[in-house]
Amino acid sequence: MRTKDFERRIKSFVQKWAASLGVSDYTYTLEIQSDKKLHGNYAEVKTDDETREVVISVNKYRLSREPGEVEKTVVHELLHTRFNEYAEFAIHIVNTHIDNPKTRRLLEKQLEKLEHKIVVALTDALMRRK
């Protein structure tokens, strides 16, 4: 698939799902990344709640070979955007109230895993309903 067509497809899914998930007030930037840069993952997202800017980096190599995963990947990354404020707040609480750096790192990792589990479960539920 040509890069422009690939980008257009992803942007149409972002537009569709951002409204449904309550994150349409963000500005989205799409970056096409290599499989190596994304460590084989479908995508990554960086969200700045203060500026309301989101950068979604997608693995064209992987998603081109698994076209059925494109919409699911967009939903997954948008859910991370939706939960970003909560995740940052939880990490702020840990960093404020836990003095031991090792304990802080362990709790931060656990919070990240928990967020990811919630995002995966919600993605699966939403994709079954579509």
C-alpha atoms as a PDB file:
ATOM      1  CA  MET A   1       0.000   0.000   0.000  1.00  0.00           C
ATOM      2  CA  ARG A   2       1.314   3.451  -0.893  1.00  0.00           C
ATOM      3  CA  THR A   3       2.319   5.607   2.068  1.00  0.00           C
ATOM      4  CA  LYS A   4      -0.242   8.334   1.257  1.00  0.00           C
ATOM      5  CA  ASP A   5      -3.077   5.772   1.125  1.00  0.00           C
ATOM      6  CA  PHE A   6      -1.822   4.193   4.338  1.00  0.00           C
ATOM      7  CA  GLU A   7      -1.729   7.590   6.089  1.00  0.00           C
ATOM      8  CA  ARG A   8      -5.185   8.504   4.795  1.00  0.00           C
ATOM      9  CA  ARG A   9      -6.607   5.231   6.126  1.00  0.00           C
ATOM     10  CA  ILE A  10      -5.128   5.748   9.575  1.00  0.00           C
ATOM     11  CA  LYS A  11      -6.237   9.383   9.726  1.00  0.00           C
ATOM     12  CA  SER A  12      -9.806   8.364   8.845  1.00  0.00           C
ATOM     13  CA  PHE A  13      -9.810   5.882  11.748  1.00  0.00           C
ATOM     14  CA  VAL A  14      -8.366   8.530  14.101  1.00  0.00           C
ATOM     15  CA  GLN A  15     -11.122  10.937  13.122  1.00  0.00           C
ATOM     16  CA  LYS A  16     -13.822   8.274  13.508  1.00  0.00           C
ATOM     17  CA  TRP A  17     -12.701   6.972  16.898  1.00  0.00           C
ATOM     18  CA  ALA A  18     -11.406  10.181  18.511  1.00  0.00           C
ATOM     19  CA  ALA A  19     -14.954  11.530  18.662  1.00  0.00           C
ATOM     20  CA  SER A  20     -16.327   8.279  20.108  1.00  0.00           C
ATOM     21  CA  LEU A  21     -13.625   8.151  22.772  1.00  0.00           C
ATOM     22  CA  GLY A  22     -13.869  11.800  23.763  1.00  0.00           C
ATOM     23  CA  VAL A  23     -10.426  12.841  22.517  1.00  0.00           C
ATOM     24  CA  SER A  24     -11.362  14.785  19.397  1.00  0.00           C
ATOM     25  CA  ASP A  25     -10.146  18.048  20.933  1.00  0.00           C
ATOM     26  CA  TYR A  26      -6.513  16.951  20.522  1.00  0.00           C
ATOM     27  CA  THR A  27      -4.319  17.756  17.522  1.00  0.00           C
ATOM     28  CA  TYR A  28      -2.969  14.557  15.984  1.00  0.00           C
ATOM     29  CA  THR A  29       0.310  14.063  14.167  1.00  0.00           C
ATOM     30  CA  LEU A  30       1.015  10.805  12.415  1.00  0.00           C
ATOM     31  CA  GLU A  31       4.554   9.460  12.028  1.00  0.00           C
ATOM     32  CA  ILE A  32       5.419   6.460   9.888  1.00  0.00           C
ATOM     33  CA  GLN A  33       8.210   4.532  11.599  1.00  0.00           C
ATOM     34  CA  SER A  34      10.253   1.453  10.828  1.00  0.00           C
ATOM     35  CA  ASP A  35       9.667  -1.942  12.375  1.00  0.00           C
ATOM     36  CA  LYS A  36      13.073  -1.653  14.041  1.00  0.00           C
ATOM     37  CA  LYS A  37      12.375   1.785  15.549  1.00  0.00           C
ATOM     38  CA  LEU A  38       9.088   0.548  17.040  1.00  0.00           C
ATOM     39  CA  HIS A  39      10.680  -2.739  18.204  1.00  0.00           C
ATOM     40  CA  GLY A  40       8.107  -4.745  16.243  1.00  0.00           C
ATOM     41  CA  ASN A  41       5.141  -3.033  17.926  1.00  0.00           C
ATOM     42  CA  TYR A  42       2.216  -1.905  15.798  1.00  0.00           C
ATOM     43  CA  ALA A  43       2.386   1.666  17.122  1.00  0.00           C
ATOM     44  CA  GLU A  44       3.281   4.008  19.964  1.00  0.00           C
ATOM     45  CA  VAL A  45       1.581   7.158  21.191  1.00  0.00           C
ATOM     46  CA  LYS A  46       2.853  10.250  22.971  1.00  0.00           C
ATOM     47  CA  THR A  47       0.238  12.523  24.506  1.00  0.00           C
ATOM     48  CA  ASP A  48       0.679  16.018  25.893  1.00  0.00           C
ATOM     49  CA  ASP A  49      -2.476  16.885  27.802  1.00  0.00           C
ATOM     50  CA  GLU A  50      -1.354  20.447  28.427  1.00  0.00           C
ATOM     51  CA  THR A  51      -0.987  21.331  24.734  1.00  0.00           C
ATOM     52  CA  ARG A  52      -3.613  18.770  23.647  1.00  0.00           C
ATOM     53  CA  GLU A  53      -1.164  17.313  21.121  1.00  0.00           C
ATOM     54  CA  VAL A  54      -0.777  13.648  20.262  1.00  0.00           C
ATOM     55  CA  VAL A  55       1.882  11.957  18.145  1.00  0.00           C
ATOM     56  CA  ILE A  56       0.983   8.493  16.896  1.00  0.00           C
ATOM     57  CA  SER A  57       3.939   6.567  15.475  1.00  0.00           C
ATOM     58  CA  VAL A  58       2.849   3.615  13.355  1.00  0.00           C
ATOM     59  CA  ASN A  59       4.750   0.640  12.052  1.00  0.00           C
ATOM     60  CA  LYS A  60       3.895   0.625   8.337  1.00  0.00           C
ATOM     61  CA  TYR A  61       5.801  -2.603   7.741  1.00  0.00           C
ATOM     62  CA  ARG A  62       3.786  -4.538  10.300  1.00  0.00           C
ATOM     63  CA  LEU A  63       0.393  -2.931   9.674  1.00  0.00           C
ATOM     64  CA  SER A  64       0.720  -3.281   5.892  1.00  0.00           C
ATOM     65  CA  ARG A  65       1.110  -7.013   6.371  1.00  0.00           C
ATOM     66  CA  GLU A  66      -1.774  -7.183   8.859  1.00  0.00           C
ATOM     67  CA  PRO A  67      -4.379  -4.743   7.474  1.00  0.00           C
ATOM     68  CA  GLY A  68      -7.031  -6.092   9.823  1.00  0.00           C
ATOM     69  CA  GLU A  69      -5.047  -4.672  12.752  1.00  0.00           C
ATOM     70  CA  VAL A  70      -4.998  -1.044  11.559  1.00  0.00           C
ATOM     71  CA  GLU A  71      -8.305   0.109  13.044  1.00  0.00           C
ATOM     72  CA  LYS A  72      -7.735  -1.889  16.231  1.00  0.00           C
ATOM     73  CA  THR A  73      -4.299  -0.301  16.608  1.00  0.00           C
ATOM     74  CA  VAL A  74      -5.747   3.208  16.216  1.00  0.00           C
ATOM     75  CA  VAL A  75      -8.405   2.486  18.856  1.00  0.00           C
ATOM     76  CA  HIS A  76      -5.737   1.079  21.178  1.00  0.00           C
ATOM     77  CA  GLU A  77      -3.515   4.165  20.871  1.00  0.00           C
ATOM     78  CA  LEU A  78      -6.458   6.560  21.281  1.00  0.00           C
ATOM     79  CA  LEU A  79      -7.448   4.768  24.472  1.00  0.00           C
ATOM     80  CA  HIS A  80      -3.924   5.369  25.782  1.00  0.00           C
ATOM     81  CA  THR A  81      -4.495   9.048  25.004  1.00  0.00           C
ATOM     82  CA  ARG A  82      -7.810   8.925  26.868  1.00  0.00           C
ATOM     83  CA  PHE A  83      -6.153   7.437  29.969  1.00  0.00           C
ATOM     84  CA  ASN A  84      -3.013   9.582  29.843  1.00  0.00           C
ATOM     85  CA  GLU A  85      -4.126  12.157  32.432  1.00  0.00           C
ATOM     86  CA  TYR A  86      -5.042   9.410  34.882  1.00  0.00           C
ATOM     87  CA  ALA A  87      -1.770   7.560  34.302  1.00  0.00           C
ATOM     88  CA  GLU A  88       0.312  10.707  34.768  1.00  0.00           C
ATOM     89  CA  PHE A  89      -1.623  11.583  37.932  1.00  0.00           C
ATOM     90  CA  ALA A  90      -1.073   8.107  39.392  1.00  0.00           C
ATOM     91  CA  ILE A  91       2.658   8.291  38.620  1.00  0.00           C
ATOM     92  CA  HIS A  92       2.804  11.778  40.159  1.00  0.00           C
ATOM     93  CA  ILE A  93       1.295  10.387  43.377  1.00  0.00           C
ATOM     94  CA  VAL A  94       3.863   7.586  43.452  1.00  0.00           C
ATOM     95  CA  ASN A  95       6.746   9.996  42.833  1.00  0.00           C
ATOM     96  CA  THR A  96       5.452  12.407  45.479  1.00  0.00           C
ATOM     97  CA  HIS A  97       4.867   9.898  48.254  1.00  0.00           C
ATOM     98  CA  ILE A  98       7.411   7.125  47.694  1.00  0.00           C
ATOM     99  CA  ASP A  99      10.998   7.949  48.617  1.00  0.00           C
ATOM    100  CA  ASN A 100      12.711   4.722  47.608  1.00  0.00           C
ATOM    101  CA  PRO A 101      13.709   4.945  43.888  1.00  0.00           C
ATOM    102  CA  LYS A 102      13.531   1.168  43.399  1.00  0.00           C
ATOM    103  CA  THR A 103      10.020   1.011  44.861  1.00  0.00           C
ATOM    104  CA  ARG A 104       9.020   4.004  42.719  1.00  0.00           C
ATOM    105  CA  ARG A 105      10.231   2.268  39.539  1.00  0.00           C
ATOM    106  CA  LEU A 106       8.436  -0.956  40.469  1.00  0.00           C
ATOM    107  CA  LEU A 107       5.170   0.878  41.137  1.00  0.00           C
ATOM    108  CA  GLU A 108       5.481   2.907  37.921  1.00  0.00           C
ATOM    109  CA  LYS A 109       6.010  -0.313  35.940  1.00  0.00           C
ATOM    110  CA  GLN A 110       3.015  -1.899  37.626  1.00  0.00           C
ATOM    111  CA  LEU A 111       0.854   1.147  36.830  1.00  0.00           C
ATOM    112  CA  GLU A 112       1.947   1.011  33.174  1.00  0.00           C
ATOM    113  CA  LYS A 113       1.097  -2.703  32.978  1.00  0.00           C
ATOM    114  CA  LEU A 114      -2.286  -2.089  34.574  1.00  0.00           C
ATOM    115  CA  GLU A 115      -3.094   0.742  32.152  1.00  0.00           C
ATOM    116  CA  HIS A 116      -2.101  -1.457  29.228  1.00  0.00           C
ATOM    117  CA  LYS A 117      -4.304  -4.324  30.446  1.00  0.00           C
ATOM    118  CA  ILE A 118      -7.279  -1.950  30.691  1.00  0.00           C
ATOM    119  CA  VAL A 119      -6.574  -0.511  27.227  1.00  0.00           C
ATOM    120  CA  VAL A 120      -6.310  -4.003  25.695  1.00  0.00           C
ATOM    121  CA  ALA A 121      -9.579  -5.125  27.315  1.00  0.00           C
ATOM    122  CA  LEU A 122     -11.438  -2.000  26.178  1.00  0.00           C
ATOM    123  CA  THR A 123      -9.971  -2.222  22.665  1.00  0.00           C
ATOM    124  CA  ASP A 124     -11.137  -5.819  22.349  1.00  0.00           C
ATOM    125  CA  ALA A 125     -14.618  -4.938  23.640  1.00  0.00           C
ATOM    126  CA  LEU A 126     -14.995  -1.958  21.306  1.00  0.00           C
ATOM    127  CA  MET A 127     -13.783  -3.880  18.276  1.00  0.00           C
ATOM    128  CA  ARG A 128     -16.280  -6.689  18.937  1.00  0.00           C
ATOM    129  CA  ARG A 129     -19.120  -4.119  19.043  1.00  0.00           C
ATOM    130  CA  LYS A 130     -18.248  -2.236  15.843  1.00  0.00           C
END
